[in-house]
C-alpha atoms as a PDB file:
ATOM      1  CA  ALA A   1      72.817 -29.658 -28.385  1.00  0.00           C
ATOM      2  CA  ARG A   2      70.587 -33.184 -29.786  1.00  0.00           C
ATOM      3  CA  ASP A   3      73.536 -34.100 -31.560  1.00  0.00           C
ATOM      4  CA  ALA A   4      75.722 -33.742 -28.337  1.00  0.00           C
ATOM      5  CA  GLY A   5      73.874 -35.468 -26.888  1.00  0.00           C
ATOM      6  CA  ALA A   6      71.396 -33.238 -23.881  1.00  0.00           C
ATOM      7  CA  ASP A   7      68.520 -35.767 -23.555  1.00  0.00           C
ATOM      8  CA  ALA A   8      65.918 -33.298 -23.167  1.00  0.00           C
ATOM      9  CA  LEU A   9      65.528 -28.820 -23.461  1.00  0.00           C
ATOM     10  CA  ILE A  10      64.314 -26.981 -20.138  1.00  0.00           C
ATOM     11  CA  VAL A  11      62.530 -24.219 -22.425  1.00  0.00           C
ATOM     12  CA  ALA A  12      60.806 -21.437 -20.450  1.00  0.00           C
ATOM     13  CA  ASP A  13      58.985 -19.501 -23.528  1.00  0.00           C
ATOM     14  CA  ALA A  14      55.186 -21.270 -25.228  1.00  0.00           C
ATOM     15  CA  GLY A  15      56.250 -20.132 -28.810  1.00  0.00           C
ATOM     16  CA  LEU A  16      60.116 -21.959 -28.323  1.00  0.00           C
ATOM     17  CA  ALA A  17      58.530 -25.194 -27.313  1.00  0.00           C
ATOM     18  CA  ARG A  18      55.885 -25.330 -29.834  1.00  0.00           C
ATOM     19  CA  LEU A  19      58.522 -24.566 -32.943  1.00  0.00           C
ATOM     20  CA  LEU A  20      61.043 -26.985 -31.141  1.00  0.00           C
ATOM     21  CA  ARG A  21      58.394 -29.447 -31.300  1.00  0.00           C
ATOM     22  CA  GLU A  22      57.667 -28.673 -35.010  1.00  0.00           C
ATOM     23  CA  GLU A  23      61.315 -29.057 -35.767  1.00  0.00           C
ATOM     24  CA  LEU A  24      62.655 -31.492 -32.716  1.00  0.00           C
ATOM     25  CA  PRO A  25      60.090 -33.751 -32.309  1.00  0.00           C
ATOM     26  CA  ASP A  26      62.688 -36.337 -31.428  1.00  0.00           C
ATOM     27  CA  LEU A  27      63.915 -34.432 -27.875  1.00  0.00           C
ATOM     28  CA  GLU A  28      62.588 -34.425 -24.587  1.00  0.00           C
ATOM     29  CA  LEU A  29      60.693 -31.349 -23.228  1.00  0.00           C
ATOM     30  CA  HIS A  30      60.795 -29.830 -20.319  1.00  0.00           C
ATOM     31  CA  LEU A  31      58.790 -27.242 -19.279  1.00  0.00           C
ATOM     32  CA  SER A  32      61.179 -24.467 -16.771  1.00  0.00           C
ATOM     33  CA  THR A  33      60.055 -22.577 -13.180  1.00  0.00           C
ATOM     34  CA  GLN A  34      60.441 -19.773 -15.386  1.00  0.00           C
ATOM     35  CA  ALA A  35      57.286 -20.808 -17.166  1.00  0.00           C
ATOM     36  CA  GLY A  36      55.516 -20.957 -14.129  1.00  0.00           C
ATOM     37  CA  VAL A  37      53.193 -23.731 -13.565  1.00  0.00           C
ATOM     38  CA  MET A  38      51.910 -23.809  -9.565  1.00  0.00           C
ATOM     39  CA  SER A  39      48.752 -25.885 -10.754  1.00  0.00           C
ATOM     40  CA  ALA A  40      47.622 -29.442 -11.850  1.00  0.00           C
ATOM     41  CA  ARG A  41      45.828 -26.926 -15.062  1.00  0.00           C
ATOM     42  CA  ALA A  42      48.780 -25.468 -16.209  1.00  0.00           C
ATOM     43  CA  ALA A  43      50.177 -28.915 -16.246  1.00  0.00           C
ATOM     44  CA  LEU A  44      48.238 -30.615 -18.641  1.00  0.00           C
ATOM     45  CA  LEU A  45      47.956 -27.411 -20.806  1.00  0.00           C
ATOM     46  CA  ALA A  46      51.429 -27.373 -21.201  1.00  0.00           C
ATOM     47  CA  ALA A  47      52.239 -30.896 -21.673  1.00  0.00           C
ATOM     48  CA  ARG A  48      48.878 -30.922 -24.049  1.00  0.00           C
ATOM     49  CA  GLU A  49      49.417 -27.651 -25.909  1.00  0.00           C
ATOM     50  CA  LEU A  50      53.673 -27.882 -25.762  1.00  0.00           C
ATOM     51  CA  GLY A  51      54.385 -31.561 -25.481  1.00  0.00           C
ATOM     52  CA  ALA A  52      56.081 -30.581 -22.447  1.00  0.00           C
ATOM     53  CA  ALA A  53      57.442 -34.238 -20.336  1.00  0.00           C
ATOM     54  CA  ARG A  54      57.812 -32.486 -16.916  1.00  0.00           C
ATOM     55  CA  VAL A  55      57.343 -29.752 -15.427  1.00  0.00           C
ATOM     56  CA  THR A  56      59.541 -27.355 -13.426  1.00  0.00           C
ATOM     57  CA  CYS A  57      57.279 -25.892 -10.419  1.00  0.00           C
ATOM     58  CA  ALA A  58      57.952 -23.088  -8.725  1.00  0.00           C
ATOM     59  CA  ARG A  59      59.684 -22.764  -5.618  1.00  0.00           C
ATOM     60  CA  GLU A  60      56.875 -21.061  -3.172  1.00  0.00           C
ATOM     61  CA  LEU A  61      54.304 -24.709  -3.391  1.00  0.00           C
ATOM     62  CA  SER A  62      53.989 -26.504  -0.479  1.00  0.00           C
ATOM     63  CA  VAL A  63      54.583 -30.252   0.177  1.00  0.00           C
ATOM     64  CA  GLY A  64      49.937 -29.872  -0.641  1.00  0.00           C
ATOM     65  CA  ALA A  65      49.766 -27.989  -3.343  1.00  0.00           C
ATOM     66  CA  LEU A  66      52.935 -29.985  -5.305  1.00  0.00           C
ATOM     67  CA  GLU A  67      50.550 -33.517  -4.218  1.00  0.00           C
ATOM     68  CA  ALA A  68      47.995 -31.179  -6.215  1.00  0.00           C
ATOM     69  CA  LEU A  69      50.123 -30.806  -8.797  1.00  0.00           C
ATOM     70  CA  CYS A  70      51.333 -34.179  -9.628  1.00  0.00           C
ATOM     71  CA  ALA A  71      47.704 -35.556  -9.521  1.00  0.00           C
ATOM     72  CA  SER A  72      47.089 -34.225 -12.702  1.00  0.00           C
ATOM     73  CA  GLY A  73      49.609 -37.303 -14.121  1.00  0.00           C
ATOM     74  CA  VAL A  74      51.978 -34.499 -15.692  1.00  0.00           C
ATOM     75  CA  PRO A  75      55.551 -35.617 -14.255  1.00  0.00           C
ATOM     76  CA  VAL A  76      56.649 -33.066 -12.133  1.00  0.00           C
ATOM     77  CA  GLU A  77      60.101 -32.102 -11.196  1.00  0.00           C
ATOM     78  CA  ALA A  78      60.365 -30.009  -7.312  1.00  0.00           C
ATOM     79  CA  PHE A  79      62.526 -27.196  -5.867  1.00  0.00           C
ATOM     80  CA  CYS A  80      64.813 -29.879  -2.721  1.00  0.00           C
ATOM     81  CA  HIS A  81      67.756 -27.669  -2.483  1.00  0.00           C
ATOM     82  CA  GLY A  82      69.487 -24.454  -2.265  1.00  0.00           C
ATOM     83  CA  ALA A  83      69.264 -20.863  -3.157  1.00  0.00           C
ATOM     84  CA  ILE A  84      65.661 -19.420  -2.975  1.00  0.00           C
ATOM     85  CA  CYS A  85      64.569 -16.057  -4.568  1.00  0.00           C
ATOM     86  CA  VAL A  86      62.790 -12.961  -2.755  1.00  0.00           C
ATOM     87  CA  SER A  87      60.450 -12.590  -5.519  1.00  0.00           C
ATOM     88  CA  TYR A  88      58.074 -15.575  -6.906  1.00  0.00           C
ATOM     89  CA  SER A  89      60.841 -18.407  -8.947  1.00  0.00           C
ATOM     90  CA  GLY A  90      61.667 -17.285 -12.670  1.00  0.00           C
ATOM     91  CA  ALA A  91      60.010 -13.839 -12.343  1.00  0.00           C
ATOM     92  CA  CYS A  92      62.632 -11.174 -10.879  1.00  0.00           C
ATOM     93  CA  ALA A  93      63.533  -8.672 -12.291  1.00  0.00           C
ATOM     94  CA  PHE A  94      65.428  -7.367  -9.139  1.00  0.00           C
ATOM     95  CA  SER A  95      68.796  -7.543 -10.950  1.00  0.00           C
ATOM     96  CA  ALA A  96      67.605  -6.286 -15.106  1.00  0.00           C
ATOM     97  CA  LEU A  97      66.105  -2.985 -13.326  1.00  0.00           C
ATOM     98  CA  ARG A  98      69.448  -2.066 -11.196  1.00  0.00           C
ATOM     99  CA  ARG A  99      72.223  -3.813 -12.652  1.00  0.00           C
ATOM    100  CA  GLY A 100      71.240  -4.594 -15.987  1.00  0.00           C
ATOM    101  CA  ARG A 101      71.646  -8.354 -15.919  1.00  0.00           C
ATOM    102  CA  SER A 102      69.143 -10.791 -16.339  1.00  0.00           C
ATOM    103  CA  ALA A 103      67.947 -13.015 -13.590  1.00  0.00           C
ATOM    104  CA  ASN A 104      65.586 -14.924 -15.791  1.00  0.00           C
ATOM    105  CA  ARG A 105      68.698 -15.018 -18.568  1.00  0.00           C
ATOM    106  CA  GLY A 106      71.120 -16.544 -16.114  1.00  0.00           C
ATOM    107  CA  ALA A 107      72.552 -13.573 -14.794  1.00  0.00           C
ATOM    108  CA  CYS A 108      71.320 -12.501 -12.051  1.00  0.00           C
ATOM    109  CA  THR A 109      73.938 -10.029  -9.664  1.00  0.00           C
ATOM    110  CA  GLN A 110      72.167 -10.992  -7.101  1.00  0.00           C
ATOM    111  CA  PRO A 111      70.596  -7.276  -5.644  1.00  0.00           C
ATOM    112  CA  CYS A 112      68.755  -9.168  -2.320  1.00  0.00           C
ATOM    113  CA  ARG A 113      71.688  -9.873  -1.306  1.00  0.00           C
ATOM    114  CA  LEU A 114      73.030  -6.630  -0.141  1.00  0.00           C
ATOM    115  CA  PRO A 115      72.616  -5.249   3.299  1.00  0.00           C
ATOM    116  CA  TYR A 116      69.287  -1.777   2.186  1.00  0.00           C
ATOM    117  CA  ARG A 117      68.704   1.078   4.746  1.00  0.00           C
ATOM    118  CA  LEU A 118      65.077   0.864   6.686  1.00  0.00           C
ATOM    119  CA  GLU A 119      63.416   3.757   6.589  1.00  0.00           C
ATOM    120  CA  ARG A 120      59.395   4.580   8.058  1.00  0.00           C
ATOM    121  CA  ASP A 121      57.789   7.412   6.235  1.00  0.00           C
ATOM    122  CA  GLY A 122      61.260   8.886   5.153  1.00  0.00           C
ATOM    123  CA  ALA A 123      62.731   8.345   8.626  1.00  0.00           C
ATOM    124  CA  PRO A 124      65.367   5.732   9.304  1.00  0.00           C
ATOM    125  CA  ALA A 125      63.413   2.986  11.533  1.00  0.00           C
ATOM    126  CA  SER A 126      65.857   1.617  14.923  1.00  0.00           C
ATOM    127  CA  GLU A 127      68.818  -0.592  14.359  1.00  0.00           C
ATOM    128  CA  ALA A 128      66.602  -2.962  16.976  1.00  0.00           C
ATOM    129  CA  GLU A 129      64.265  -3.373  13.320  1.00  0.00           C
ATOM    130  CA  ALA A 130      67.350  -4.060  10.872  1.00  0.00           C
ATOM    131  CA  PRO A 131      69.912  -5.076  13.133  1.00  0.00           C
ATOM    132  CA  SER A 132      72.093  -6.752   9.405  1.00  0.00           C
ATOM    133  CA  GLY A 133      70.143  -4.526   6.634  1.00  0.00           C
ATOM    134  CA  ARG A 134      70.083  -7.703   5.016  1.00  0.00           C
ATOM    135  CA  LEU A 135      66.287  -7.250   4.655  1.00  0.00           C
ATOM    136  CA  LEU A 136      65.746  -8.736   0.834  1.00  0.00           C
ATOM    137  CA  CYS A 137      68.228 -12.197   1.413  1.00  0.00           C
ATOM    138  CA  PRO A 138      66.205 -14.975   2.009  1.00  0.00           C
ATOM    139  CA  ARG A 139      67.883 -18.734   3.397  1.00  0.00           C
ATOM    140  CA  ASP A 140      68.655 -21.987   1.630  1.00  0.00           C
ATOM    141  CA  LEU A 141      65.663 -24.567   1.051  1.00  0.00           C
ATOM    142  CA  LEU A 142      66.296 -27.432   3.029  1.00  0.00           C
ATOM    143  CA  SER A 143      63.798 -30.347   1.867  1.00  0.00           C
ATOM    144  CA  LEU A 144      65.857 -33.172   3.724  1.00  0.00           C
ATOM    145  CA  ARG A 145      63.097 -34.102   6.484  1.00  0.00           C
ATOM    146  CA  HIS A 146      60.224 -33.675   3.950  1.00  0.00           C
ATOM    147  CA  LEU A 147      61.622 -36.116   1.223  1.00  0.00           C
ATOM    148  CA  PRO A 148      58.715 -39.396   2.587  1.00  0.00           C
ATOM    149  CA  ALA A 149      56.265 -37.071   1.888  1.00  0.00           C
ATOM    150  CA  LEU A 150      57.801 -36.031  -1.707  1.00  0.00           C
ATOM    151  CA  VAL A 151      57.527 -39.616  -2.634  1.00  0.00           C
ATOM    152  CA  ARG A 152      54.645 -40.237  -1.393  1.00  0.00           C
ATOM    153  CA  ALA A 153      52.815 -36.945  -3.047  1.00  0.00           C
ATOM    154  CA  GLY A 154      54.632 -38.427  -6.216  1.00  0.00           C
ATOM    155  CA  VAL A 155      57.639 -35.909  -7.202  1.00  0.00           C
ATOM    156  CA  ALA A 156      59.283 -37.301 -10.660  1.00  0.00           C
ATOM    157  CA  ALA A 157      62.649 -35.398  -9.430  1.00  0.00           C
ATOM    158  CA  LEU A 158      64.558 -33.283  -7.294  1.00  0.00           C
ATOM    159  CA  LYS A 159      66.179 -30.517  -8.926  1.00  0.00           C
ATOM    160  CA  ILE A 160      69.597 -28.518  -6.764  1.00  0.00           C
ATOM    161  CA  GLU A 161      69.576 -24.974  -6.561  1.00  0.00           C
ATOM    162  CA  GLY A 162      73.215 -24.720  -8.232  1.00  0.00           C
ATOM    163  CA  ARG A 163      74.304 -22.029  -9.510  1.00  0.00           C
ATOM    164  CA  MET A 164      77.907 -20.585  -9.807  1.00  0.00           C
ATOM    165  CA  LYS A 165      78.115 -23.241  -7.528  1.00  0.00           C
ATOM    166  CA  ASN A 166      81.659 -25.201  -7.553  1.00  0.00           C
ATOM    167  CA  PRO A 167      82.247 -28.649  -8.409  1.00  0.00           C
ATOM    168  CA  ASP A 168      82.973 -30.117  -3.889  1.00  0.00           C
ATOM    169  CA  TYR A 169      79.282 -28.417  -3.589  1.00  0.00           C
ATOM    170  CA  VAL A 170      77.859 -30.936  -6.597  1.00  0.00           C
ATOM    171  CA  TRP A 171      79.834 -33.960  -5.176  1.00  0.00           C
ATOM    172  CA  ASN A 172      78.467 -33.440  -0.920  1.00  0.00           C
ATOM    173  CA  VAL A 173      75.186 -31.962  -1.749  1.00  0.00           C
ATOM    174  CA  VAL A 174      74.044 -34.292  -4.687  1.00  0.00           C
ATOM    175  CA  GLY A 175      75.799 -37.978  -2.715  1.00  0.00           C
ATOM    176  CA  CYS A 176      73.148 -35.992   0.313  1.00  0.00           C
ATOM    177  CA  TYR A 177      70.164 -36.876  -1.171  1.00  0.00           C
ATOM    178  CA  ARG A 178      71.456 -39.365  -3.477  1.00  0.00           C
ATOM    179  CA  ALA A 179      71.597 -41.420   0.219  1.00  0.00           C
ATOM    180  CA  ALA A 180      68.557 -40.178   1.519  1.00  0.00           C
ATOM    181  CA  LEU A 181      66.506 -41.616  -1.481  1.00  0.00           C
ATOM    182  CA  ASP A 182      67.970 -44.792  -1.449  1.00  0.00           C
ATOM    183  CA  ALA A 183      67.366 -45.067   2.192  1.00  0.00           C
ATOM    184  CA  LEU A 184      63.688 -43.830   1.999  1.00  0.00           C
ATOM    185  CA  ALA A 185      63.852 -46.630  -0.767  1.00  0.00           C
ATOM    186  CA  GLU A 186      65.297 -49.121   1.960  1.00  0.00           C
ATOM    187  CA  GLY A 187      62.429 -48.349   4.270  1.00  0.00           C
ATOM    188  CA  GLY A 188      63.805 -44.502   4.917  1.00  0.00           C
ATOM    189  CA  LEU A 189      66.357 -42.943   7.451  1.00  0.00           C
ATOM    190  CA  ASP A 190      65.569 -42.696  10.919  1.00  0.00           C
ATOM    191  CA  GLY A 191      66.481 -40.174  13.305  1.00  0.00           C
ATOM    192  CA  GLU A 192      70.540 -40.172  13.667  1.00  0.00           C
ATOM    193  CA  ALA A 193      70.936 -41.175  10.201  1.00  0.00           C
ATOM    194  CA  GLU A 194      69.030 -37.951   9.010  1.00  0.00           C
ATOM    195  CA  GLU A 195      70.825 -35.162  11.253  1.00  0.00           C
ATOM    196  CA  GLU A 196      73.819 -36.855  10.256  1.00  0.00           C
ATOM    197  CA  VAL A 197      73.121 -36.055   6.032  1.00  0.00           C
ATOM    198  CA  ALA A 198      71.228 -32.625   7.755  1.00  0.00           C
ATOM    199  CA  PHE A 199      74.768 -32.008   9.073  1.00  0.00           C
ATOM    200  CA  ARG A 200      76.700 -33.041   5.629  1.00  0.00           C
ATOM    201  CA  LEU A 201      74.879 -30.884   4.043  1.00  0.00           C
ATOM    202  CA  GLY A 202      75.173 -27.921   5.563  1.00  0.00           C
ATOM    203  CA  MET A 203      78.770 -28.259   5.122  1.00  0.00           C
ATOM    204  CA  SER A 204      78.664 -26.841   2.447  1.00  0.00           C
ATOM    205  CA  PHE A 205      77.855 -23.071   1.329  1.00  0.00           C
ATOM    206  CA  ASN A 206      74.466 -22.200   2.714  1.00  0.00           C
ATOM    207  CA  ARG A 207      73.197 -19.176   3.868  1.00  0.00           C
ATOM    208  CA  GLY A 208      70.825 -20.917   6.623  1.00  0.00           C
ATOM    209  CA  PHE A 209      68.368 -23.418   6.335  1.00  0.00           C
ATOM    210  CA  THR A 210      64.816 -22.818   6.301  1.00  0.00           C
ATOM    211  CA  ASP A 211      61.695 -25.530   4.827  1.00  0.00           C
ATOM    212  CA  ALA A 212      59.073 -22.599   5.533  1.00  0.00           C
ATOM    213  CA  TYR A 213      57.359 -22.719   1.706  1.00  0.00           C
ATOM    214  CA  LEU A 214      57.336 -27.183   1.912  1.00  0.00           C
ATOM    215  CA  ARG A 215      55.251 -26.351   5.629  1.00  0.00           C
ATOM    216  CA  GLY A 216      52.750 -23.462   3.164  1.00  0.00           C
ATOM    217  CA  GLY A 217      54.483 -20.853   5.324  1.00  0.00           C
ATOM    218  CA  SER A 218      56.142 -17.316   4.251  1.00  0.00           C
ATOM    219  CA  GLY A 219      57.014 -15.313   7.661  1.00  0.00           C
ATOM    220  CA  PRO A 220      60.485 -13.959   9.092  1.00  0.00           C
ATOM    221  CA  GLU A 221      61.546 -17.285   9.025  1.00  0.00           C
ATOM    222  CA  LEU A 222      62.954 -17.294   5.578  1.00  0.00           C
ATOM    223  CA  MET A 223      65.397 -14.010   5.545  1.00  0.00           C
ATOM    224  CA  SER A 224      68.558 -14.651   6.613  1.00  0.00           C
ATOM    225  CA  PRO A 225      68.671 -11.055   8.160  1.00  0.00           C
ATOM    226  CA  GLU A 226      72.417 -11.442  10.173  1.00  0.00           C
ATOM    227  CA  ARG A 227      74.299 -12.039   6.658  1.00  0.00           C
ATOM    228  CA  ALA A 228      74.494 -13.409   2.875  1.00  0.00           C
ATOM    229  CA  ILE A 229      77.532 -15.164   3.050  1.00  0.00           C
ATOM    230  CA  ASN A 230      78.519 -19.608   4.381  1.00  0.00           C
ATOM    231  CA  GLN A 231      76.802 -20.279   7.910  1.00  0.00           C
ATOM    232  CA  GLY A 232      78.854 -23.556   7.939  1.00  0.00           C
ATOM    233  CA  VAL A 233      77.460 -25.901  11.272  1.00  0.00           C
ATOM    234  CA  ARG A 234      76.872 -25.662  14.374  1.00  0.00           C
ATOM    235  CA  VAL A 235      80.125 -27.851  16.331  1.00  0.00           C
ATOM    236  CA  GLY A 236      80.067 -27.404  19.771  1.00  0.00           C
ATOM    237  CA  GLU A 237      79.785 -24.050  22.147  1.00  0.00           C
ATOM    238  CA  VAL A 238      82.134 -21.682  24.597  1.00  0.00           C
ATOM    239  CA  VAL A 239      82.124 -22.692  27.721  1.00  0.00           C
ATOM    240  CA  ALA A 240      85.455 -20.723  29.760  1.00  0.00           C
ATOM    241  CA  ARG A 241      87.201 -17.866  28.858  1.00  0.00           C
ATOM    242  CA  ALA A 242      90.671 -16.653  29.684  1.00  0.00           C
ATOM    243  CA  ARG A 243      93.610 -13.881  27.909  1.00  0.00           C
ATOM    244  CA  HIS A 244      93.147 -14.346  24.452  1.00  0.00           C
ATOM    245  CA  GLU A 245      91.900 -17.793  24.186  1.00  0.00           C
ATOM    246  CA  VAL A 246      88.647 -18.921  25.083  1.00  0.00           C
ATOM    247  CA  THR A 247      87.584 -23.573  25.797  1.00  0.00           C
ATOM    248  CA  VAL A 248      85.362 -24.771  22.991  1.00  0.00           C
ATOM    249  CA  ALA A 249      83.131 -27.640  24.167  1.00  0.00           C
ATOM    250  CA  LEU A 250      82.320 -29.844  21.265  1.00  0.00           C
ATOM    251  CA  GLU A 251      79.397 -30.809  19.987  1.00  0.00           C
ATOM    252  CA  ARG A 252      80.755 -32.298  16.547  1.00  0.00           C
ATOM    253  CA  PRO A 253      84.509 -33.556  15.504  1.00  0.00           C
ATOM    254  CA  VAL A 254      86.443 -30.854  13.842  1.00  0.00           C
ATOM    255  CA  GLY A 255      90.207 -30.703  12.396  1.00  0.00           C
ATOM    256  CA  GLU A 256      93.984 -28.568  13.243  1.00  0.00           C
ATOM    257  CA  GLY A 257      93.361 -25.446  10.397  1.00  0.00           C
ATOM    258  CA  ASP A 258      89.244 -25.843  10.150  1.00  0.00           C
ATOM    259  CA  THR A 259      88.136 -22.366  10.306  1.00  0.00           C
ATOM    260  CA  LEU A 260      86.103 -20.865  13.165  1.00  0.00           C
ATOM    261  CA  GLU A 261      83.148 -19.061  13.716  1.00  0.00           C
ATOM    262  CA  ILE A 262      82.392 -17.817  17.248  1.00  0.00           C
ATOM    263  CA  ARG A 263      78.966 -16.937  17.322  1.00  0.00           C
ATOM    264  CA  THR A 264      79.671 -13.679  20.007  1.00  0.00           C
ATOM    265  CA  VAL A 265      76.971 -13.052  23.082  1.00  0.00           C
ATOM    266  CA  LEU A 266      78.398  -9.262  23.960  1.00  0.00           C
ATOM    267  CA  PRO A 267      78.011  -9.282  27.457  1.00  0.00           C
ATOM    268  CA  THR A 268      75.932  -6.689  27.908  1.00  0.00           C
ATOM    269  CA  ASP A 269      78.369  -3.910  29.731  1.00  0.00           C
ATOM    270  CA  ALA A 270      79.679  -4.174  25.827  1.00  0.00           C
ATOM    271  CA  GLY A 271      81.214  -0.338  24.287  1.00  0.00           C
ATOM    272  CA  ALA A 272      79.685   0.726  21.701  1.00  0.00           C
ATOM    273  CA  ASP A 273      82.262   0.773  20.205  1.00  0.00           C
ATOM    274  CA  VAL A 274      82.492  -2.886  20.135  1.00  0.00           C
ATOM    275  CA  PRO A 275      82.097  -5.082  16.159  1.00  0.00           C
ATOM    276  CA  ALA A 276      79.528  -6.924  15.451  1.00  0.00           C
ATOM    277  CA  ARG A 277      80.560  -9.025  13.732  1.00  0.00           C
ATOM    278  CA  TRP A 278      81.789 -12.590  14.743  1.00  0.00           C
ATOM    279  CA  PRO A 279      85.671 -13.630  14.966  1.00  0.00           C
ATOM    280  CA  LEU A 280      87.021 -15.899  12.371  1.00  0.00           C
ATOM    281  CA  VAL A 281      89.428 -18.209  14.032  1.00  0.00           C
ATOM    282  CA  PRO A 282      91.605 -21.331  13.272  1.00  0.00           C
ATOM    283  CA  CYS A 283      91.342 -24.504  15.016  1.00  0.00           C
ATOM    284  CA  PRO A 284      94.732 -25.677  16.758  1.00  0.00           C
ATOM    285  CA  ALA A 285      93.908 -29.118  16.694  1.00  0.00           C
ATOM    286  CA  ASP A 286      92.105 -32.013  15.227  1.00  0.00           C
ATOM    287  CA  GLY A 287      88.992 -31.888  18.270  1.00  0.00           C
ATOM    288  CA  ALA A 288      86.376 -35.252  18.679  1.00  0.00           C
ATOM    289  CA  ALA A 289      82.860 -34.283  20.137  1.00  0.00           C
ATOM    290  CA  GLY A 290      82.802 -34.509  24.146  1.00  0.00           C
ATOM    291  CA  GLU A 291      86.327 -33.172  23.992  1.00  0.00           C
ATOM    292  CA  ARG A 292      86.974 -29.389  25.529  1.00  0.00           C
ATOM    293  CA  LEU A 293      89.369 -27.675  22.586  1.00  0.00           C
ATOM    294  CA  ARG A 294      91.546 -24.340  23.791  1.00  0.00           C
ATOM    295  CA  VAL A 295      91.152 -22.134  20.957  1.00  0.00           C
ATOM    296  CA  ARG A 296      92.760 -18.418  20.594  1.00  0.00           C
ATOM    297  CA  CYS A 297      90.433 -15.767  20.364  1.00  0.00           C
ATOM    298  CA  LYS A 298      92.250 -12.631  20.287  1.00  0.00           C
ATOM    299  CA  ARG A 299      88.602 -11.286  20.744  1.00  0.00           C
ATOM    300  CA  ARG A 300      86.453 -10.867  23.413  1.00  0.00           C
ATOM    301  CA  VAL A 301      83.781 -13.515  23.433  1.00  0.00           C
ATOM    302  CA  GLU A 302      81.341 -14.821  26.515  1.00  0.00           C
ATOM    303  CA  PRO A 303      81.093 -18.282  27.473  1.00  0.00           C
ATOM    304  CA  GLY A 304      77.660 -19.630  26.119  1.00  0.00           C
ATOM    305  CA  SER A 305      77.970 -18.240  22.097  1.00  0.00           C
ATOM    306  CA  ALA A 306      78.617 -20.978  19.647  1.00  0.00           C
ATOM    307  CA  VAL A 307      80.600 -22.253  17.838  1.00  0.00           C
ATOM    308  CA  TYR A 308      81.185 -22.321  13.588  1.00  0.00           C
ATOM    309  CA  LEU A 309      82.567 -24.587  11.533  1.00  0.00           C
ATOM    310  CA  THR A 310      82.425 -22.421   8.456  1.00  0.00           C
ATOM    311  CA  ALA A 311      85.429 -23.730   6.704  1.00  0.00           C
ATOM    312  CA  SER A 312      87.243 -27.472   5.935  1.00  0.00           C
END
C-alpha cells in the first residue's frame, strides 16, 4: 500500500496499529471509527500509545461532543454525510449474525433496511404502529447547516460515507461540501445559497435526511419508516386532477424524461384495495419553477400530494 502511494493507513485494531508503527514508521496512521473513539482521553491514548495522527470518531456524536474531542489537540475526522447505522458506528454485528457477512470487514448486507413485523407480547401490532415495516432503517446524515459549528469546533477533516456509491454520487456530494467549505472561508453561505446546496445534495441517493445526532438527539426523527430506497427531492405539488392526468405546480425546475414520484394523499373514500405505494411517472416536458405542468398519471391521486424528483 505504501509503495502504491497510499497517504495513510486506516486501522481499527490496536495490536496491528502498534505493529505498523514499528514496521512502517514513515506511513501515517489514522484510527478507524471502528475503534470507538468518543472522548478526548481516548484520542490522546490513541495518539500516545498507537501513534495515531488522526482519529475518525463515531457518527453518533453531537457538535458539543466533537468540540470536546477536538480540544484534545489530536486531529479529528468527523462524518458529515451519508448513511448512518442502526447500531453504534463500527460495532454492528447484525449482518454477520444474520447472513455471515461482517459490516466491520466492509461486507454489510444492510439487514436494517429490510421490513420487519412489530409484535407486542407475541401479538402483531396495528398497521398504524408500523405502517411500512421499516422499523430499523435510519435516514442519512446531512451536516450542511452545521458546517460553521464543526469548523469552529476544530474538526480537521470531514468524512463522507460512500460504501457502494457510484461515481456520480461521489462527484456531486464531494463537490457540494467542497463548495460549502469554500464559501465558509469567504464569509459563509447565505440562506438561499445553503438551500441550493442542500437541494443539490438531495439529487444524489438519500433515504431522507437527518441532523439529529449533531443536535444531540436520537429519537424517531432519525428513522426512515416509509422505505429504504432513494427519497429524491421535492419539486412541486399536485394542484388539480383529471382523468389519467394531474396538474403539478412546480417549485423547482424539472426536465423531460425525469422520473417524478407523486406522494399520494389518499382520499377519505379510498378502498382497502387501493395500493399504498407512490406512483412513479415520467416528466413529459421541461418545466421551470413557478410553471404548471400536466402529467399523465393513471392512479387516482389527490390535490395536495407532494411531487418528488427521484431520477434525472
